[in-house]
């Protein structure tokens, strides 16, 4: 895959050398609260790289690694679509980098992979992520009740959002 350039960010295939920086971002309290993980976050990031069903891209801003976005595809002709998920360093939140990251990958999935529909599923209480995805053109589909288990063992709701190719914002 080629390098993808957004208005602000660059997305490139994640390589093993990126793992320490990405694990450090995953370890920040804000990211860990959403992505969780065990004692060895580097091993978890590396496992994502080894999963043939997940495509991992490192997000760079001003020549610095600031996070990762990953995508997967449902290839069944009757249900074909792609889904994505991401985390960014909290130090860069609020600068429009998340929206640019999502738009950049969404454009690639629509234009280069021919997907007509994309999905993303933030926690229902993650207002900042929902705002970010909405700016990129995603719309709420519905609440998935007790969708994900939290770090404390309780279940919490997720919000299914989708975007149709012709709804992708600039």
N, C-alpha and C. Protein backbone atom coordinates (compact mmCIF):
# COMPACT_ATOMS: atom_id res chain seq x y z
N UNK A 1 0.85 -1.19 0.00
CA UNK A 1 0.00 0.00 0.00
C UNK A 1 0.88 1.24 0.00
N UNK A 2 0.39 2.24 -0.63
CA UNK A 2 1.13 3.49 -0.71
C UNK A 2 0.88 4.36 0.52
N UNK A 3 1.65 5.39 0.63
CA UNK A 3 1.47 6.38 1.69
C UNK A 3 0.29 7.25 1.32
N UNK A 4 -0.58 7.53 2.30
CA UNK A 4 -1.75 8.37 2.10
C UNK A 4 -1.49 9.73 2.75
N UNK A 5 -1.78 10.79 2.02
CA UNK A 5 -1.54 12.14 2.55
C UNK A 5 -2.87 12.87 2.70
N UNK A 6 -3.13 13.31 3.91
CA UNK A 6 -4.29 14.12 4.18
C UNK A 6 -3.90 15.58 4.16
N UNK A 7 -4.82 16.44 4.56
CA UNK A 7 -4.52 17.86 4.63
C UNK A 7 -3.47 18.15 5.70
N UNK A 8 -3.48 17.36 6.79
CA UNK A 8 -2.57 17.58 7.91
C UNK A 8 -1.69 16.38 8.25
N UNK A 9 -2.21 15.19 8.03
CA UNK A 9 -1.53 13.97 8.47
C UNK A 9 -1.05 13.14 7.29
N UNK A 10 -0.15 12.23 7.60
CA UNK A 10 0.31 11.23 6.65
C UNK A 10 0.02 9.86 7.27
N UNK A 11 -0.51 8.96 6.47
CA UNK A 11 -0.78 7.59 6.90
C UNK A 11 0.12 6.68 6.08
N UNK A 12 0.86 5.81 6.78
CA UNK A 12 1.74 4.87 6.09
C UNK A 12 1.61 3.51 6.75
N UNK A 13 1.89 2.46 6.02
CA UNK A 13 1.80 1.13 6.64
C UNK A 13 2.64 1.05 7.91
N UNK A 14 2.06 0.52 8.94
CA UNK A 14 2.76 0.36 10.21
C UNK A 14 3.79 -0.77 10.07
N UNK A 15 4.97 -0.53 10.59
CA UNK A 15 6.05 -1.51 10.56
C UNK A 15 6.48 -1.81 12.00
N UNK A 16 7.18 -2.92 12.22
CA UNK A 16 7.60 -3.27 13.58
C UNK A 16 8.34 -2.16 14.32
N UNK A 17 9.10 -1.34 13.62
CA UNK A 17 9.83 -0.25 14.27
C UNK A 17 8.90 0.79 14.89
N UNK A 18 7.62 0.82 14.46
CA UNK A 18 6.64 1.76 15.01
C UNK A 18 6.07 1.30 16.34
N UNK A 19 6.23 0.03 16.66
CA UNK A 19 5.56 -0.56 17.82
C UNK A 19 5.87 0.17 19.13
N UNK A 20 7.12 0.49 19.46
CA UNK A 20 7.37 1.16 20.74
C UNK A 20 6.63 2.50 20.87
N UNK A 21 6.64 3.32 19.85
CA UNK A 21 5.95 4.61 19.91
C UNK A 21 4.44 4.42 20.03
N UNK A 22 3.89 3.47 19.29
CA UNK A 22 2.45 3.22 19.35
C UNK A 22 2.06 2.63 20.70
N UNK A 23 2.87 1.77 21.25
CA UNK A 23 2.59 1.22 22.58
C UNK A 23 2.62 2.32 23.64
N UNK A 24 3.53 3.26 23.50
CA UNK A 24 3.60 4.38 24.45
C UNK A 24 2.33 5.23 24.38
N UNK A 25 1.82 5.45 23.17
CA UNK A 25 0.56 6.21 23.03
C UNK A 25 -0.58 5.41 23.62
N UNK A 26 -0.63 4.11 23.35
CA UNK A 26 -1.67 3.25 23.93
C UNK A 26 -1.63 3.27 25.45
N UNK A 27 -0.46 3.50 26.03
CA UNK A 27 -0.30 3.49 27.49
C UNK A 27 -0.77 4.78 28.16
N UNK A 28 -1.01 5.85 27.38
CA UNK A 28 -1.49 7.08 28.01
C UNK A 28 -2.86 6.81 28.62
N UNK A 29 -3.16 7.41 29.76
CA UNK A 29 -4.43 7.11 30.43
C UNK A 29 -5.66 7.30 29.54
N UNK A 30 -5.66 8.36 28.73
CA UNK A 30 -6.83 8.64 27.89
C UNK A 30 -7.05 7.56 26.83
N UNK A 31 -5.97 7.08 26.23
CA UNK A 31 -6.10 6.05 25.20
C UNK A 31 -6.36 4.69 25.86
N UNK A 32 -5.65 4.42 26.90
CA UNK A 32 -5.82 3.12 27.58
C UNK A 32 -7.25 2.94 28.09
N UNK A 33 -7.88 4.03 28.50
CA UNK A 33 -9.26 3.94 28.99
C UNK A 33 -10.20 3.43 27.90
N UNK A 34 -9.90 3.72 26.64
CA UNK A 34 -10.76 3.30 25.52
C UNK A 34 -10.28 2.01 24.88
N UNK A 35 -8.97 1.85 24.72
CA UNK A 35 -8.41 0.69 24.02
C UNK A 35 -8.00 -0.41 24.98
N UNK A 36 -7.86 -0.06 26.25
CA UNK A 36 -7.45 -1.01 27.29
C UNK A 36 -6.21 -1.78 26.88
N UNK A 37 -6.02 -2.93 27.44
CA UNK A 37 -4.86 -3.75 27.13
C UNK A 37 -4.25 -4.33 28.38
N UNK A 38 -3.42 -5.31 28.17
CA UNK A 38 -2.77 -6.00 29.27
C UNK A 38 -1.47 -5.33 29.67
N UNK A 39 -0.59 -6.14 30.23
CA UNK A 39 0.69 -5.62 30.72
C UNK A 39 1.69 -5.36 29.60
N UNK A 40 1.49 -5.95 28.43
CA UNK A 40 2.45 -5.82 27.34
C UNK A 40 1.76 -5.22 26.11
N UNK A 41 1.64 -3.89 26.13
CA UNK A 41 0.97 -3.21 25.01
C UNK A 41 1.76 -3.34 23.72
N UNK A 42 3.07 -3.41 23.81
CA UNK A 42 3.88 -3.59 22.60
C UNK A 42 3.53 -4.91 21.92
N UNK A 43 3.33 -5.96 22.69
CA UNK A 43 2.95 -7.25 22.10
C UNK A 43 1.57 -7.17 21.48
N UNK A 44 0.67 -6.40 22.08
CA UNK A 44 -0.68 -6.27 21.52
C UNK A 44 -0.66 -5.50 20.20
N UNK A 45 0.12 -4.43 20.13
CA UNK A 45 0.25 -3.69 18.87
C UNK A 45 0.89 -4.58 17.82
N UNK A 46 1.92 -5.30 18.20
CA UNK A 46 2.58 -6.21 17.25
C UNK A 46 1.63 -7.30 16.76
N UNK A 47 0.75 -7.78 17.63
CA UNK A 47 -0.23 -8.80 17.23
C UNK A 47 -1.17 -8.26 16.18
N UNK A 48 -1.55 -6.98 16.30
CA UNK A 48 -2.40 -6.38 15.26
C UNK A 48 -1.69 -6.39 13.92
N UNK A 49 -0.39 -6.14 13.92
CA UNK A 49 0.38 -6.14 12.67
C UNK A 49 0.41 -7.53 12.04
N UNK A 50 0.36 -8.55 12.87
CA UNK A 50 0.42 -9.93 12.38
C UNK A 50 -0.94 -10.48 11.97
N UNK A 51 -2.01 -9.76 12.27
CA UNK A 51 -3.36 -10.23 11.95
C UNK A 51 -3.66 -9.93 10.48
N UNK A 52 -3.84 -10.96 9.65
CA UNK A 52 -4.06 -10.71 8.21
C UNK A 52 -5.38 -10.01 7.90
N UNK A 53 -6.30 -9.98 8.85
CA UNK A 53 -7.58 -9.31 8.62
C UNK A 53 -7.60 -7.84 8.99
N UNK A 54 -6.51 -7.35 9.57
CA UNK A 54 -6.43 -5.95 10.00
C UNK A 54 -5.31 -5.26 9.22
N UNK A 55 -5.62 -4.10 8.70
CA UNK A 55 -4.64 -3.27 7.99
C UNK A 55 -4.31 -2.08 8.89
N UNK A 56 -3.07 -2.01 9.36
CA UNK A 56 -2.65 -0.97 10.30
C UNK A 56 -1.85 0.11 9.59
N UNK A 57 -2.20 1.36 9.88
CA UNK A 57 -1.50 2.50 9.33
C UNK A 57 -1.06 3.42 10.46
N UNK A 58 0.20 3.79 10.44
CA UNK A 58 0.73 4.73 11.41
C UNK A 58 0.36 6.14 10.97
N UNK A 59 -0.10 6.94 11.92
CA UNK A 59 -0.48 8.33 11.65
C UNK A 59 0.68 9.22 12.06
N UNK A 60 1.15 10.05 11.13
CA UNK A 60 2.24 10.98 11.41
C UNK A 60 1.78 12.40 11.19
N UNK A 61 2.28 13.28 12.02
CA UNK A 61 2.00 14.72 11.92
C UNK A 61 3.31 15.44 12.23
N UNK A 62 3.71 16.30 11.34
CA UNK A 62 4.97 17.03 11.49
C UNK A 62 6.12 16.07 11.79
N UNK A 63 6.18 14.99 11.00
CA UNK A 63 7.25 13.99 11.08
C UNK A 63 7.32 13.26 12.43
N UNK A 64 6.20 13.22 13.15
CA UNK A 64 6.16 12.54 14.44
C UNK A 64 5.01 11.55 14.44
N UNK A 65 5.23 10.36 14.96
CA UNK A 65 4.17 9.36 15.10
C UNK A 65 3.20 9.83 16.17
N UNK A 66 1.92 9.94 15.78
CA UNK A 66 0.91 10.41 16.73
C UNK A 66 -0.20 9.40 16.96
N UNK A 67 -0.16 8.26 16.27
CA UNK A 67 -1.20 7.27 16.50
C UNK A 67 -1.26 6.24 15.40
N UNK A 68 -2.36 5.50 15.43
CA UNK A 68 -2.56 4.44 14.44
C UNK A 68 -4.04 4.38 14.09
N UNK A 69 -4.32 4.12 12.82
CA UNK A 69 -5.67 3.84 12.36
C UNK A 69 -5.61 2.47 11.69
N UNK A 70 -6.62 1.68 11.93
CA UNK A 70 -6.67 0.35 11.32
C UNK A 70 -8.01 0.15 10.65
N UNK A 71 -8.00 -0.72 9.66
CA UNK A 71 -9.26 -1.02 8.98
C UNK A 71 -9.32 -2.50 8.65
N UNK A 72 -10.55 -2.94 8.47
CA UNK A 72 -10.83 -4.33 8.08
C UNK A 72 -11.96 -4.29 7.06
N UNK A 73 -12.07 -5.34 6.29
CA UNK A 73 -13.10 -5.38 5.26
C UNK A 73 -13.95 -6.62 5.41
N UNK A 74 -15.23 -6.45 5.19
CA UNK A 74 -16.17 -7.57 5.01
C UNK A 74 -16.27 -7.73 3.50
N UNK A 75 -15.82 -8.86 2.99
CA UNK A 75 -15.75 -9.04 1.55
C UNK A 75 -16.93 -9.81 0.95
N UNK A 76 -17.82 -10.31 1.77
CA UNK A 76 -18.99 -11.01 1.24
C UNK A 76 -19.75 -10.04 0.33
N UNK A 77 -20.04 -10.43 -0.92
CA UNK A 77 -20.67 -9.50 -1.86
C UNK A 77 -21.99 -8.91 -1.36
N UNK A 78 -22.72 -9.67 -0.58
CA UNK A 78 -24.01 -9.19 -0.09
C UNK A 78 -23.89 -8.14 1.01
N UNK A 79 -22.73 -8.11 1.69
CA UNK A 79 -22.56 -7.22 2.84
C UNK A 79 -21.27 -6.41 2.77
N UNK A 80 -20.65 -6.34 1.62
CA UNK A 80 -19.33 -5.73 1.49
C UNK A 80 -19.29 -4.31 2.07
N UNK A 81 -18.33 -4.09 2.94
CA UNK A 81 -18.08 -2.78 3.51
C UNK A 81 -16.74 -2.83 4.25
N UNK A 82 -16.29 -1.70 4.75
CA UNK A 82 -15.06 -1.66 5.55
C UNK A 82 -15.35 -0.94 6.85
N UNK A 83 -14.63 -1.32 7.89
CA UNK A 83 -14.74 -0.66 9.18
C UNK A 83 -13.38 -0.16 9.61
N UNK A 84 -13.37 0.82 10.49
CA UNK A 84 -12.10 1.39 10.95
C UNK A 84 -12.15 1.71 12.43
N UNK A 85 -10.97 1.90 13.00
CA UNK A 85 -10.81 2.30 14.39
C UNK A 85 -9.47 3.00 14.51
N UNK A 86 -9.33 3.89 15.47
CA UNK A 86 -8.08 4.63 15.60
C UNK A 86 -7.84 5.09 17.01
N UNK A 87 -6.59 5.40 17.27
CA UNK A 87 -6.21 6.11 18.49
C UNK A 87 -5.14 7.12 18.14
N UNK A 88 -5.21 8.28 18.80
CA UNK A 88 -4.22 9.33 18.62
C UNK A 88 -3.70 9.76 19.97
N UNK A 89 -2.48 10.23 19.98
CA UNK A 89 -1.85 10.75 21.18
C UNK A 89 -2.71 11.89 21.74
N UNK A 90 -3.09 11.83 23.01
CA UNK A 90 -3.90 12.91 23.59
C UNK A 90 -3.24 14.29 23.47
N UNK A 91 -1.93 14.34 23.33
CA UNK A 91 -1.24 15.63 23.20
C UNK A 91 -1.63 16.37 21.94
N UNK A 92 -2.20 15.66 20.95
CA UNK A 92 -2.57 16.32 19.69
C UNK A 92 -4.08 16.41 19.51
N UNK A 93 -4.84 16.02 20.51
CA UNK A 93 -6.30 16.12 20.40
C UNK A 93 -6.72 17.58 20.25
N UNK A 94 -7.83 17.78 19.57
CA UNK A 94 -8.40 19.12 19.42
C UNK A 94 -7.80 19.94 18.29
N UNK A 95 -7.02 19.33 17.42
CA UNK A 95 -6.37 20.06 16.31
C UNK A 95 -6.93 19.66 14.95
N UNK A 96 -7.96 18.84 14.93
CA UNK A 96 -8.52 18.39 13.67
C UNK A 96 -7.77 17.22 13.04
N UNK A 97 -6.80 16.66 13.75
CA UNK A 97 -5.99 15.59 13.18
C UNK A 97 -6.76 14.28 13.10
N UNK A 98 -7.64 14.04 14.06
CA UNK A 98 -8.47 12.83 14.01
C UNK A 98 -9.40 12.85 12.81
N UNK A 99 -10.06 13.98 12.61
CA UNK A 99 -10.97 14.10 11.47
C UNK A 99 -10.20 13.95 10.16
N UNK A 100 -9.03 14.56 10.06
CA UNK A 100 -8.23 14.43 8.84
C UNK A 100 -7.79 12.98 8.64
N UNK A 101 -7.43 12.31 9.71
CA UNK A 101 -7.04 10.90 9.63
C UNK A 101 -8.19 10.05 9.10
N UNK A 102 -9.37 10.23 9.68
CA UNK A 102 -10.54 9.45 9.26
C UNK A 102 -10.91 9.76 7.82
N UNK A 103 -10.92 11.03 7.45
CA UNK A 103 -11.25 11.40 6.07
C UNK A 103 -10.26 10.80 5.08
N UNK A 104 -8.98 10.85 5.43
CA UNK A 104 -7.94 10.35 4.53
C UNK A 104 -8.10 8.86 4.28
N UNK A 105 -8.31 8.09 5.35
CA UNK A 105 -8.51 6.66 5.17
C UNK A 105 -9.83 6.39 4.46
N UNK A 106 -10.87 7.10 4.82
CA UNK A 106 -12.18 6.89 4.18
C UNK A 106 -12.08 7.14 2.68
N UNK A 107 -11.42 8.19 2.28
CA UNK A 107 -11.25 8.48 0.85
C UNK A 107 -10.53 7.33 0.16
N UNK A 108 -9.50 6.80 0.78
CA UNK A 108 -8.75 5.67 0.23
C UNK A 108 -9.65 4.43 0.09
N UNK A 109 -10.44 4.15 1.12
CA UNK A 109 -11.30 2.96 1.09
C UNK A 109 -12.39 3.08 0.03
N UNK A 110 -12.87 4.29 -0.19
CA UNK A 110 -13.90 4.52 -1.21
C UNK A 110 -13.27 4.54 -2.61
N UNK A 111 -12.26 5.37 -2.79
CA UNK A 111 -11.70 5.57 -4.13
C UNK A 111 -10.83 4.41 -4.61
N UNK A 112 -10.01 3.86 -3.73
CA UNK A 112 -9.05 2.85 -4.15
C UNK A 112 -9.52 1.42 -3.93
N UNK A 113 -10.41 1.22 -2.97
CA UNK A 113 -10.89 -0.14 -2.69
C UNK A 113 -12.35 -0.34 -3.10
N UNK A 114 -13.02 0.72 -3.53
CA UNK A 114 -14.37 0.61 -4.04
C UNK A 114 -15.46 0.35 -3.00
N UNK A 115 -15.18 0.68 -1.74
CA UNK A 115 -16.21 0.48 -0.72
C UNK A 115 -17.28 1.57 -0.84
N UNK A 116 -18.52 1.16 -0.76
CA UNK A 116 -19.63 2.12 -0.83
C UNK A 116 -20.10 2.53 0.56
N UNK A 117 -19.67 1.76 1.59
CA UNK A 117 -20.13 2.00 2.96
C UNK A 117 -19.00 1.69 3.93
N UNK A 118 -18.85 2.56 4.94
CA UNK A 118 -17.84 2.41 5.97
C UNK A 118 -18.52 2.45 7.33
N UNK A 119 -17.95 1.75 8.31
CA UNK A 119 -18.50 1.78 9.66
C UNK A 119 -17.41 2.11 10.67
N UNK A 120 -17.86 2.62 11.81
CA UNK A 120 -17.00 2.88 12.96
C UNK A 120 -17.89 2.76 14.19
N UNK A 121 -17.32 2.36 15.32
CA UNK A 121 -18.18 2.07 16.48
C UNK A 121 -17.60 2.58 17.79
N UNK A 122 -17.61 3.90 18.00
CA UNK A 122 -17.08 4.44 19.25
C UNK A 122 -17.98 4.07 20.44
N UNK A 123 -17.41 4.16 21.62
CA UNK A 123 -18.22 4.02 22.83
C UNK A 123 -19.28 5.12 22.80
N UNK A 124 -20.46 4.79 23.23
CA UNK A 124 -21.58 5.75 23.16
C UNK A 124 -21.32 7.00 24.00
N UNK A 125 -20.45 6.90 25.00
CA UNK A 125 -20.15 8.07 25.83
C UNK A 125 -18.90 8.82 25.39
N UNK A 126 -18.33 8.48 24.26
CA UNK A 126 -17.11 9.13 23.77
C UNK A 126 -17.48 10.29 22.84
N UNK A 127 -17.91 11.38 23.46
CA UNK A 127 -18.42 12.53 22.70
C UNK A 127 -17.38 13.10 21.74
N UNK A 128 -16.13 13.15 22.15
CA UNK A 128 -15.09 13.72 21.28
C UNK A 128 -14.92 12.88 20.01
N UNK A 129 -14.89 11.57 20.16
CA UNK A 129 -14.75 10.70 18.99
C UNK A 129 -15.97 10.83 18.08
N UNK A 130 -17.14 10.87 18.66
CA UNK A 130 -18.37 10.98 17.86
C UNK A 130 -18.37 12.29 17.08
N UNK A 131 -17.94 13.39 17.70
CA UNK A 131 -17.83 14.67 16.98
C UNK A 131 -16.85 14.56 15.83
N UNK A 132 -15.71 13.94 16.08
CA UNK A 132 -14.68 13.76 15.05
C UNK A 132 -15.25 13.00 13.85
N UNK A 133 -15.89 11.88 14.11
CA UNK A 133 -16.40 11.05 13.03
C UNK A 133 -17.55 11.73 12.29
N UNK A 134 -18.36 12.48 13.02
CA UNK A 134 -19.45 13.22 12.39
C UNK A 134 -18.90 14.27 11.42
N UNK A 135 -17.82 14.94 11.80
CA UNK A 135 -17.20 15.94 10.92
C UNK A 135 -16.71 15.31 9.61
N UNK A 136 -16.33 14.04 9.67
CA UNK A 136 -15.87 13.34 8.46
C UNK A 136 -17.04 12.82 7.62
N UNK A 137 -18.26 12.91 8.15
CA UNK A 137 -19.43 12.49 7.39
C UNK A 137 -20.16 11.28 7.94
N UNK A 138 -19.62 10.65 8.99
CA UNK A 138 -20.31 9.50 9.59
C UNK A 138 -21.59 9.95 10.27
N UNK A 139 -22.59 9.07 10.25
CA UNK A 139 -23.87 9.33 10.88
C UNK A 139 -24.20 8.21 11.87
N UNK A 140 -24.85 8.57 12.96
CA UNK A 140 -25.26 7.52 13.90
C UNK A 140 -26.29 6.59 13.26
N UNK A 141 -26.12 5.30 13.48
CA UNK A 141 -27.07 4.30 13.02
C UNK A 141 -27.93 3.84 14.19
N UNK A 142 -27.28 3.60 15.31
CA UNK A 142 -28.00 3.18 16.50
C UNK A 142 -27.06 2.78 17.62
N UNK A 143 -27.63 2.68 18.79
CA UNK A 143 -26.86 2.29 19.96
C UNK A 143 -26.84 0.77 20.06
N UNK A 144 -25.66 0.24 20.24
CA UNK A 144 -25.49 -1.19 20.46
C UNK A 144 -25.38 -1.37 21.98
N UNK A 145 -26.43 -1.86 22.58
CA UNK A 145 -26.51 -1.94 24.03
C UNK A 145 -25.56 -2.99 24.58
N UNK A 146 -24.94 -2.63 25.69
CA UNK A 146 -23.98 -3.52 26.35
C UNK A 146 -23.03 -4.17 25.34
N UNK A 147 -22.45 -3.35 24.54
CA UNK A 147 -21.65 -3.76 23.40
C UNK A 147 -20.23 -4.19 23.77
N UNK A 148 -19.64 -3.51 24.73
CA UNK A 148 -18.23 -3.72 25.03
C UNK A 148 -18.02 -3.78 26.54
N UNK A 149 -17.16 -4.71 26.95
CA UNK A 149 -16.86 -4.83 28.37
C UNK A 149 -15.79 -3.82 28.75
N UNK A 150 -16.04 -3.07 29.81
CA UNK A 150 -15.09 -2.09 30.30
C UNK A 150 -14.02 -2.75 31.16
N UNK A 151 -13.01 -1.96 31.51
CA UNK A 151 -11.90 -2.45 32.32
C UNK A 151 -12.37 -2.96 33.68
N UNK A 152 -13.48 -2.43 34.17
CA UNK A 152 -14.00 -2.86 35.47
C UNK A 152 -14.91 -4.08 35.36
N UNK A 153 -15.08 -4.62 34.15
CA UNK A 153 -15.88 -5.81 33.96
C UNK A 153 -17.34 -5.55 33.61
N UNK A 154 -17.77 -4.30 33.68
CA UNK A 154 -19.15 -3.98 33.34
C UNK A 154 -19.26 -3.72 31.84
N UNK A 155 -20.45 -3.90 31.32
CA UNK A 155 -20.72 -3.69 29.90
C UNK A 155 -21.15 -2.25 29.67
N UNK A 156 -20.75 -1.68 28.55
CA UNK A 156 -21.21 -0.33 28.20
C UNK A 156 -21.62 -0.30 26.73
N UNK A 157 -22.39 0.71 26.40
CA UNK A 157 -22.97 0.84 25.07
C UNK A 157 -21.96 1.35 24.05
N UNK A 158 -22.16 0.96 22.82
CA UNK A 158 -21.39 1.47 21.70
C UNK A 158 -22.34 2.16 20.73
N UNK A 159 -21.82 3.05 19.93
CA UNK A 159 -22.62 3.72 18.92
C UNK A 159 -22.14 3.25 17.56
N UNK A 160 -23.01 2.60 16.81
CA UNK A 160 -22.68 2.23 15.44
C UNK A 160 -22.90 3.45 14.56
N UNK A 161 -21.87 3.80 13.81
CA UNK A 161 -21.96 4.93 12.87
C UNK A 161 -21.56 4.40 11.50
N UNK A 162 -22.16 4.95 10.45
CA UNK A 162 -21.72 4.58 9.12
C UNK A 162 -21.65 5.79 8.22
N UNK A 163 -21.00 5.59 7.10
CA UNK A 163 -20.80 6.65 6.11
C UNK A 163 -20.96 6.00 4.74
N UNK A 164 -21.79 6.56 3.93
CA UNK A 164 -21.92 6.12 2.54
C UNK A 164 -20.95 6.94 1.69
N UNK A 165 -20.44 6.35 0.64
CA UNK A 165 -19.40 6.99 -0.16
C UNK A 165 -19.74 8.41 -0.55
N UNK A 166 -20.99 8.66 -0.92
CA UNK A 166 -21.34 10.01 -1.37
C UNK A 166 -21.57 10.99 -0.22
N UNK A 167 -21.43 10.52 1.02
CA UNK A 167 -21.57 11.41 2.19
C UNK A 167 -20.23 11.85 2.76
N UNK A 168 -19.15 11.33 2.24
CA UNK A 168 -17.82 11.69 2.73
C UNK A 168 -17.58 13.17 2.52
N UNK A 169 -17.26 13.88 3.60
CA UNK A 169 -17.04 15.31 3.50
C UNK A 169 -15.61 15.58 3.04
N UNK A 170 -15.42 16.73 2.42
CA UNK A 170 -14.11 17.11 1.88
C UNK A 170 -13.03 16.70 2.80
